[in-house]
Protein backbone atom coordinates (compact mmCIF):
# COMPACT_ATOMS: atom_id res chain seq x y z
CA MET A 1 101.37 57.80 99.64
CA ASP A 2 98.53 56.04 99.58
CA LEU A 3 97.77 54.13 96.58
CA ARG A 4 94.61 52.31 97.71
CA TYR A 5 91.12 53.11 96.40
CA THR A 6 88.29 53.59 99.09
CA PRO A 7 85.81 51.02 98.96
CA GLU A 8 83.27 53.47 97.72
CA TYR A 9 85.61 53.91 94.74
CA GLU A 10 86.07 50.18 94.12
CA ALA A 11 82.22 49.81 94.01
CA PHE A 12 82.06 52.76 91.61
CA ARG A 13 84.91 50.50 89.67
CA ALA A 14 82.69 47.69 89.78
CA GLU A 15 79.77 49.57 88.56
CA VAL A 16 82.59 50.37 85.94
CA ARG A 17 83.67 47.20 84.88
CA GLU A 18 80.04 45.50 84.79
CA PHE A 19 79.41 48.35 82.05
CA VAL A 20 82.15 47.40 80.23
CA GLU A 21 81.77 43.92 80.12
CA ALA A 22 78.11 44.29 79.30
CA GLY A 23 78.13 46.91 76.68
CA TRP A 24 80.92 46.08 74.61
CA PRO A 25 81.04 44.09 72.47
CA LEU A 26 77.77 45.39 70.36
CA GLY A 27 75.70 42.20 70.05
CA GLY A 28 72.65 40.95 67.55
CA GLU A 29 71.87 43.73 65.18
CA GLU A 30 74.43 46.24 66.52
CA ALA A 31 77.19 43.93 65.58
CA ALA A 32 76.95 43.53 62.03
CA LEU A 33 77.11 48.08 61.90
CA PRO A 34 80.29 49.59 60.59
CA LEU A 35 83.00 49.68 63.32
CA ALA A 36 82.94 53.43 63.19
CA GLU A 37 78.91 53.33 64.13
CA ARG A 38 80.08 50.67 66.75
CA GLU A 39 82.28 52.60 68.78
CA ALA A 40 79.53 55.91 68.45
CA LEU A 41 76.88 54.03 69.70
CA PHE A 42 79.27 52.81 73.05
CA ARG A 43 79.95 56.33 73.55
CA GLU A 44 77.06 57.42 73.80
CA ARG A 45 75.36 55.14 76.15
CA ALA A 46 78.67 55.20 78.15
CA THR A 47 77.94 59.04 78.39
CA ASP A 48 74.15 58.49 79.13
CA ARG A 49 75.79 56.36 82.36
CA GLY A 50 78.00 59.25 83.44
CA TYR A 51 81.12 58.16 81.96
CA LEU A 52 82.79 59.63 79.50
CA TYR A 53 82.56 63.63 79.02
CA ARG A 54 81.85 64.32 82.53
CA THR A 55 83.14 68.03 82.57
CA PHE A 56 80.77 69.08 79.99
CA PRO A 57 77.04 70.01 80.79
CA LYS A 58 74.56 67.90 79.11
CA GLU A 59 72.94 70.35 76.35
CA TYR A 60 76.61 70.13 74.98
CA GLY A 61 76.70 66.31 74.81
CA GLY A 62 78.39 65.98 78.26
CA SER A 63 77.38 63.79 80.68
CA GLU A 64 77.42 66.47 83.61
CA GLN A 65 78.51 64.77 86.12
CA PRO A 66 80.81 66.39 89.25
CA SER A 67 83.97 66.72 89.64
CA ASP A 68 85.43 63.58 91.14
CA ILE A 69 89.10 62.75 89.55
CA LEU A 70 89.31 59.61 91.39
CA ARG A 71 86.19 58.07 89.00
CA SER A 72 87.54 59.71 86.17
CA ASN A 73 90.89 57.63 86.57
CA ILE A 74 88.83 54.60 87.11
CA ILE A 75 86.93 55.12 84.39
CA LEU A 76 90.41 55.43 82.35
CA GLU A 77 92.03 52.59 83.57
CA GLU A 78 88.82 50.02 83.37
CA PHE A 79 87.90 51.40 79.46
CA ALA A 80 91.55 50.94 79.11
CA ARG A 81 92.10 47.39 80.68
CA ALA A 82 89.01 46.21 78.32
CA GLY A 83 89.97 47.96 75.06
CA VAL A 84 86.59 49.72 74.58
CA PRO A 85 86.00 53.12 73.14
CA GLY A 86 86.49 55.49 75.35
CA GLU A 87 86.80 59.63 75.04
CA LEU A 88 87.94 60.66 71.30
CA SER A 89 91.26 62.13 71.53
CA GLY A 90 93.07 65.06 68.98
CA GLN A 91 92.48 68.97 68.25
CA GLY A 92 88.86 68.55 68.82
CA ALA A 93 87.71 66.88 71.68
CA SER A 94 90.83 67.11 73.41
CA MET A 95 91.87 70.24 73.37
CA LEU A 96 89.16 72.81 71.19
CA ALA A 97 86.36 71.20 73.31
CA PRO A 98 87.84 72.10 76.56
CA THR A 99 88.70 75.45 75.72
CA LEU A 100 85.55 76.68 74.20
CA LEU A 101 84.39 75.23 77.44
CA GLU A 102 85.53 77.70 79.25
CA LYS A 103 86.38 80.20 77.24
CA GLY A 104 83.44 80.25 74.53
CA THR A 105 80.25 82.06 74.28
CA ASP A 106 77.21 80.12 74.95
CA GLN A 107 76.24 79.87 71.19
CA GLN A 108 79.83 78.65 70.14
CA LYS A 109 79.70 75.85 73.07
CA LEU A 110 76.35 74.90 71.50
CA GLN A 111 76.99 75.01 68.22
CA TYR A 112 80.93 73.39 68.22
CA ILE A 113 81.21 71.00 71.00
CA PRO A 114 78.32 68.41 70.58
CA PRO A 115 79.72 67.66 67.04
CA THR A 116 83.17 67.73 68.44
CA LEU A 117 82.70 65.24 71.46
CA ARG A 118 80.33 62.67 68.48
CA GLY A 119 82.57 63.34 66.14
CA GLU A 120 81.57 64.44 63.49
CA MET A 121 83.06 67.84 63.07
CA THR A 122 87.13 67.46 62.96
CA TRP A 123 89.39 70.17 64.21
CA CYS A 124 93.25 72.01 63.35
CA GLN A 125 95.42 73.75 65.31
CA GLY A 126 96.25 77.36 62.94
CA TYR A 127 99.20 78.54 65.68
CA SER A 128 102.82 77.71 64.08
CA GLU A 129 103.79 80.20 60.68
CA PRO A 130 107.30 79.91 58.74
CA ALA A 131 108.69 82.97 60.69
CA ALA A 132 106.99 81.85 64.38
CA GLY A 133 107.53 78.92 66.01
CA SER A 134 108.69 79.05 69.19
CA ASP A 135 108.41 82.73 69.41
CA LEU A 136 104.75 81.49 68.68
CA ALA A 137 103.69 86.21 69.45
CA SER A 138 105.19 86.14 66.74
CA ILE A 139 102.64 85.38 64.08
CA GLN A 140 101.86 87.46 61.48
CA THR A 141 98.77 86.01 60.05
CA ARG A 142 96.60 88.82 59.98
CA ALA A 143 93.02 89.49 60.39
CA GLU A 144 91.14 92.79 58.82
CA LEU A 145 87.62 93.73 60.18
CA ASP A 146 84.83 94.11 57.32
CA GLY A 147 81.80 95.01 58.81
CA ASP A 148 80.65 91.26 60.02
CA HIS A 149 83.62 89.81 58.69
CA TRP A 150 86.96 89.27 59.45
CA VAL A 151 89.28 88.79 56.33
CA VAL A 152 92.03 86.64 56.72
CA ASN A 153 94.76 86.45 55.33
CA GLY A 154 98.39 85.10 55.93
CA HIS A 155 100.17 81.34 55.82
CA LYS A 156 100.19 78.52 58.00
CA ILE A 157 102.79 75.54 58.51
CA TRP A 158 103.05 72.37 60.72
CA THR A 159 98.86 71.48 61.32
CA SER A 160 97.98 68.38 61.45
CA GLY A 161 95.64 67.23 59.73
CA ALA A 162 94.39 70.52 58.04
CA HIS A 163 94.11 68.94 54.32
CA GLU A 164 90.93 66.73 56.03
CA ALA A 165 89.73 69.04 58.99
CA ASP A 166 86.49 70.81 59.08
CA MET A 167 87.35 73.56 60.89
CA MET A 168 90.53 75.26 62.49
CA PHE A 169 91.36 76.87 65.16
CA ALA A 170 93.99 79.83 64.79
CA LEU A 171 95.91 82.89 66.41
CA VAL A 172 95.52 85.69 64.20
CA ARG A 173 96.85 89.40 64.24
CA THR A 174 93.82 91.27 64.44
CA GLU A 175 95.65 94.66 66.83
CA PRO A 176 98.76 95.80 64.39
CA ASP A 177 99.46 97.92 66.56
CA ALA A 178 100.25 96.86 69.65
CA GLY A 179 102.17 95.06 71.60
CA LYS A 180 102.99 91.41 70.22
CA HIS A 181 100.86 89.45 72.73
CA ALA A 182 99.04 92.01 72.90
CA GLY A 183 97.55 91.83 69.23
CA ILE A 184 96.74 88.19 68.91
CA SER A 185 92.75 87.08 68.38
CA TYR A 186 92.03 83.18 68.65
CA LEU A 187 89.24 82.68 65.52
CA LEU A 188 87.17 79.42 64.43
CA ILE A 189 87.42 79.60 60.80
CA ASP A 190 85.58 76.85 58.55
CA MET A 191 88.45 75.23 56.41
CA LYS A 192 85.95 74.95 53.32
CA SER A 193 85.65 78.86 53.41
CA PRO A 194 86.89 79.99 49.68
CA GLY A 195 90.34 81.29 50.10
CA VAL A 196 91.42 78.67 52.62
CA ARG A 197 94.20 76.36 51.08
CA ALA A 198 96.19 72.90 52.60
CA ALA A 199 98.72 71.54 51.43
CA THR A 200 100.14 68.49 52.54
CA VAL A 201 103.80 68.48 53.67
CA MET A 202 106.42 65.12 53.55
CA GLN A 203 108.16 64.10 56.14
CA MET A 204 111.04 62.24 56.54
CA THR A 205 108.83 59.16 57.50
CA ARG A 206 107.22 59.91 54.01
CA ALA A 207 104.23 61.03 56.07
CA GLU A 208 101.81 63.64 55.06
CA GLU A 209 99.45 64.30 58.06
CA PHE A 210 101.71 67.98 57.94
CA CYS A 211 99.97 70.52 56.46
CA GLU A 212 100.74 73.86 55.22
CA VAL A 213 97.54 76.15 55.24
CA PHE A 214 97.07 79.17 53.00
CA PHE A 215 94.84 82.07 53.61
CA ASP A 216 93.86 84.58 50.45
CA ASP A 217 90.67 87.11 51.79
CA VAL A 218 89.37 84.48 53.67
CA ARG A 219 85.86 85.59 55.30
CA VAL A 220 85.00 84.68 58.99
CA PRO A 221 81.90 85.78 60.84
CA VAL A 222 82.73 87.93 63.38
CA ALA A 223 80.49 85.51 66.23
CA ASN A 224 83.87 82.80 65.37
CA VAL A 225 86.03 85.26 68.22
CA VAL A 226 86.58 82.92 71.26
CA GLY A 227 86.92 85.56 73.89
CA GLU A 228 87.48 89.44 73.86
CA ARG A 229 89.53 91.12 70.43
CA GLY A 230 92.90 91.00 70.84
CA GLU A 231 92.87 88.54 73.85
CA GLY A 232 93.83 85.74 71.95
CA TRP A 233 96.99 84.75 73.89
CA ALA A 234 94.86 84.05 77.06
CA VAL A 235 92.56 81.51 75.44
CA SER A 236 95.70 79.56 73.83
CA ARG A 237 97.14 79.22 76.82
CA ALA A 238 94.43 77.28 78.09
CA THR A 239 94.71 75.51 74.38
CA LEU A 240 98.37 74.74 74.94
CA MET A 241 97.87 73.55 78.56
CA HIS A 242 94.99 71.05 77.34
CA GLU A 243 97.81 70.23 73.96
CA ARG A 244 100.65 69.44 76.58
CA ASN A 245 98.23 66.82 79.11
CA LEU A 246 97.65 65.11 75.94
CA ILE A 247 100.97 64.44 74.88
CA GLY A 248 102.19 63.94 78.69
CA ASN A 249 99.82 61.43 79.00
CA SER A 250 101.84 58.24 79.96
CA ASP A 251 99.47 55.59 78.59
CA ARG A 252 101.97 54.97 74.85
CA MET A 253 105.32 55.33 77.05
CA LYS A 254 103.86 52.07 79.12
CA ALA A 255 103.19 50.30 76.26
CA ASN A 256 106.45 51.44 74.34
CA PHE A 257 108.59 49.98 77.41
CA ALA A 258 106.93 46.33 77.32
CA ALA A 259 108.03 46.61 74.01
CA LEU A 260 111.31 47.04 74.52
CA VAL A 261 111.92 44.89 77.01
CA LYS A 262 110.44 41.93 74.44
CA LEU A 263 112.86 44.02 71.53
CA ALA A 264 115.60 43.34 74.16
CA GLN A 265 114.78 39.11 74.73
CA SER A 266 113.80 38.46 71.41
CA VAL A 267 116.81 40.34 69.49
CA GLU A 268 121.03 38.90 69.52
CA ARG A 269 123.87 39.87 71.21
CA ASN A 270 126.98 38.12 70.77
CA GLY A 271 124.78 34.84 70.29
CA ARG A 272 122.84 35.26 73.23
CA PRO A 273 119.44 37.56 74.21
CA ALA A 274 120.21 41.14 74.26
CA SER A 275 118.80 41.04 77.04
CA GLU A 276 120.82 39.15 79.00
CA ASP A 277 123.62 41.47 78.33
CA ALA A 278 125.24 43.22 81.08
CA ASN A 279 124.79 46.67 79.81
CA ILE A 280 121.58 46.07 77.98
CA ARG A 281 120.39 44.63 81.44
CA GLN A 282 121.98 48.56 83.01
CA ARG A 283 120.49 51.07 80.61
CA LEU A 284 116.80 49.04 80.76
CA ALA A 285 116.70 49.45 84.18
CA GLU A 286 117.90 53.10 83.75
CA VAL A 287 115.20 53.47 81.54
CA GLN A 288 112.43 51.26 83.99
CA GLY A 289 113.30 53.66 86.47
CA TYR A 290 112.58 57.03 84.30
CA VAL A 291 108.92 55.62 83.54
CA ALA A 292 108.28 54.74 86.79
CA THR A 293 109.24 57.92 88.17
CA GLN A 294 107.10 59.60 85.03
CA ILE A 295 103.95 57.07 86.82
CA TYR A 296 104.50 58.12 90.10
CA SER A 297 104.56 61.68 89.53
CA GLY A 298 101.22 61.06 87.53
CA HIS A 299 99.95 59.25 90.81
CA ARG A 300 101.50 62.23 93.54
CA MET A 301 99.18 64.35 91.10
CA LEU A 302 96.12 62.24 91.16
CA THR A 303 96.60 62.61 94.85
CA CYS A 304 96.98 66.75 94.56
CA ILE A 305 94.10 66.71 92.81
CA ALA A 306 91.82 64.59 94.62
CA ARG A 307 92.38 66.57 97.91
CA GLY A 308 91.96 69.80 96.70
CA GLU A 309 95.41 71.07 95.70
CA MET A 310 97.22 72.25 92.84
CA PRO A 311 100.29 70.13 91.31
CA GLY A 312 102.11 72.94 90.84
CA ILE A 313 105.39 72.45 89.13
CA ASP A 314 105.08 68.23 88.91
CA ALA A 315 102.55 69.47 86.03
CA MET A 316 104.93 71.91 84.26
CA MET A 317 107.26 69.16 83.81
CA THR A 318 105.38 66.14 82.52
CA LYS A 319 104.96 66.76 78.80
CA ILE A 320 108.81 67.44 78.91
CA ASN A 321 109.48 64.37 80.78
CA SER A 322 107.29 62.40 78.90
CA THR A 323 108.89 63.31 75.37
CA ASN A 324 112.76 63.10 76.45
CA ILE A 325 111.59 59.56 78.39
CA GLY A 326 109.76 57.81 74.77
CA HIS A 327 113.13 59.51 72.98
CA MET A 328 115.54 57.48 75.36
CA ILE A 329 113.68 54.10 74.65
CA SER A 330 113.43 54.41 70.56
CA LYS A 331 117.18 55.05 71.07
CA LEU A 332 118.02 52.46 72.85
CA ALA A 333 115.37 50.29 70.69
CA LEU A 334 117.59 51.24 67.61
CA GLU A 335 120.79 50.08 69.16
CA LEU A 336 119.34 46.88 70.16
CA ILE A 337 118.11 46.05 66.02
CA GLY A 338 121.53 48.20 65.02
CA ASP A 339 121.45 48.97 60.86
CA SER A 340 119.05 46.76 59.99
CA ALA A 341 116.99 49.12 61.08
CA LEU A 342 117.61 51.15 57.68
CA GLU A 343 116.18 48.64 55.58
CA ALA A 344 112.88 49.47 56.84
CA ALA A 345 113.47 53.02 55.83
CA SER A 346 110.56 52.76 53.21
CA SER A 347 107.88 51.70 55.77
CA LEU A 348 108.06 54.02 58.97
CA ALA A 349 105.45 53.32 60.99
CA TYR A 350 104.56 55.18 64.78
CA SER A 351 103.93 52.47 67.55
CA PRO A 352 106.05 50.19 67.90
CA VAL A 353 104.65 46.58 66.76
CA ASP A 354 106.38 43.90 65.53
CA ASP A 355 106.85 44.02 61.94
CA GLY A 356 109.74 41.43 61.74
CA LYS A 357 111.64 44.60 59.85
CA HIS A 358 111.60 46.84 62.60
CA ALA A 359 110.37 49.53 60.36
CA SER A 360 107.84 50.82 63.42
CA TRP A 361 111.11 51.17 66.03
CA LEU A 362 112.55 53.11 63.31
CA GLY A 363 109.34 55.71 62.65
CA ASP A 364 108.78 56.10 67.11
CA TYR A 365 112.61 56.84 66.71
CA VAL A 366 112.19 59.85 64.22
CA TRP A 367 108.44 61.08 66.15
CA SER A 368 110.29 61.21 69.03
CA LEU A 369 112.46 64.08 67.45
CA GLY A 370 109.23 65.77 67.09
CA ILE A 371 107.12 65.07 69.10
CA ALA A 372 109.38 66.99 71.19
CA THR A 373 108.32 70.30 69.75
CA ALA A 374 104.53 69.89 70.04
CA GLY A 375 102.79 72.14 72.06
CA GLY A 376 106.09 74.30 73.15
CA THR A 377 109.77 73.16 72.41
CA ALA A 378 111.60 71.08 74.79
CA ASN A 379 113.61 74.65 75.40
CA ILE A 380 110.57 76.74 75.84
CA GLN A 381 109.19 74.19 78.45
CA ARG A 382 112.44 73.83 80.21
CA ASN A 383 112.34 78.28 80.82
CA ILE A 384 108.40 78.19 82.01
CA ILE A 385 109.80 75.68 84.10
CA ALA A 386 112.58 77.73 85.55
CA GLU A 387 110.69 81.11 85.57
CA ARG A 388 107.29 80.33 86.43
CA GLY A 389 107.85 77.06 88.62
CA LEU A 390 111.03 77.47 89.84
CA GLY A 391 110.87 81.29 90.81
CA LEU A 392 114.49 82.04 88.60
CA PRO A 393 114.94 84.94 87.27
CA ARG A 394 113.96 85.52 83.03
CA GLN A 395 116.55 84.33 80.03
CA ARG A 396 118.94 87.38 79.88
CA ALA A 397 118.22 88.44 75.70
CA ALA A 398 120.24 87.22 72.99
CA ASN A 399 119.82 91.07 71.48
CA PRO A 400 120.07 93.67 74.43
CA GLY A 401 117.61 96.23 72.95
CA GLN A 402 115.08 93.29 73.48
CA LYS A 403 112.87 93.15 76.55
């Protein structure tokens, strides 16, 4: 594997670096603008230069550039190196907008993608329900056709940011007599519609970004169905692919491992830095090996895509490997900290920034348990890898009568 870029791509890297250094931070009167406005202005200029939202047509707020995975990767590297505002992440820009680009109508693309990419419209994901977690096709939230509107009734849960979102992309059952996969539609719901109620759910970290959402005769225009009626399962598969790619990103993993090494150097074991303990050094090396494997697997997939090839099973493994490694990192961190981690239980955070009380590592450990279920639980992911990636026989049903 040759990880070097050709002179043509290195020239492009220099061009991107020059733009970043000249364009951020903003100067003059623009420097006095609120941070969100400064970031939005920089993103607009970067998009005009063809650096952001490259796959989106200009009419939808993108830069409409030819697909080039290597140029896109260079942009990511240079923006991350300089710490400048890149593409918006989250459920709207990273999951819903690409899904609409692939499956939506022209009107849906024009109405929803531009404000989503600009950060003016926020989204939440209405998939899970109290009785339909891993078995997503068992959802019971229903929508009945009434003239030119769907009337939605039901209950969603574990909906991140629903109390603050403008819109929801949801799976609802529109064909009650069809098979459970065939009777689902993908619906865009205005969260300010009469009959929508979002209630936050307190987690063990004391955070409240998760919600349960109740629908009571909520009227949604027929035009808000993405794809064909009853074919929402196929549309949701596209969204889940973008979600798993988002979760499987290795940037956070690399930062967390670097923080773990720093932690091992700062805490003591038997009167010496823990990093000098042979057992701890061995475990750090083991984790580092997993981190390196994930990073180089990403390089391999990048090479495949650049050659016009499909990465295959490797792409399926990215999400589950990423969450497993993240758990290994935070678990070792808690072992290094010891019982003093419990002193910080009242102020948990997700990113391991040294606050003197190790609150962030405890929060990161708890988060690592939950993130394994996002985008499809670990066991569901293993089944997908085994059956669709390796071609192994389907898992036998616990109930012999179940198909």
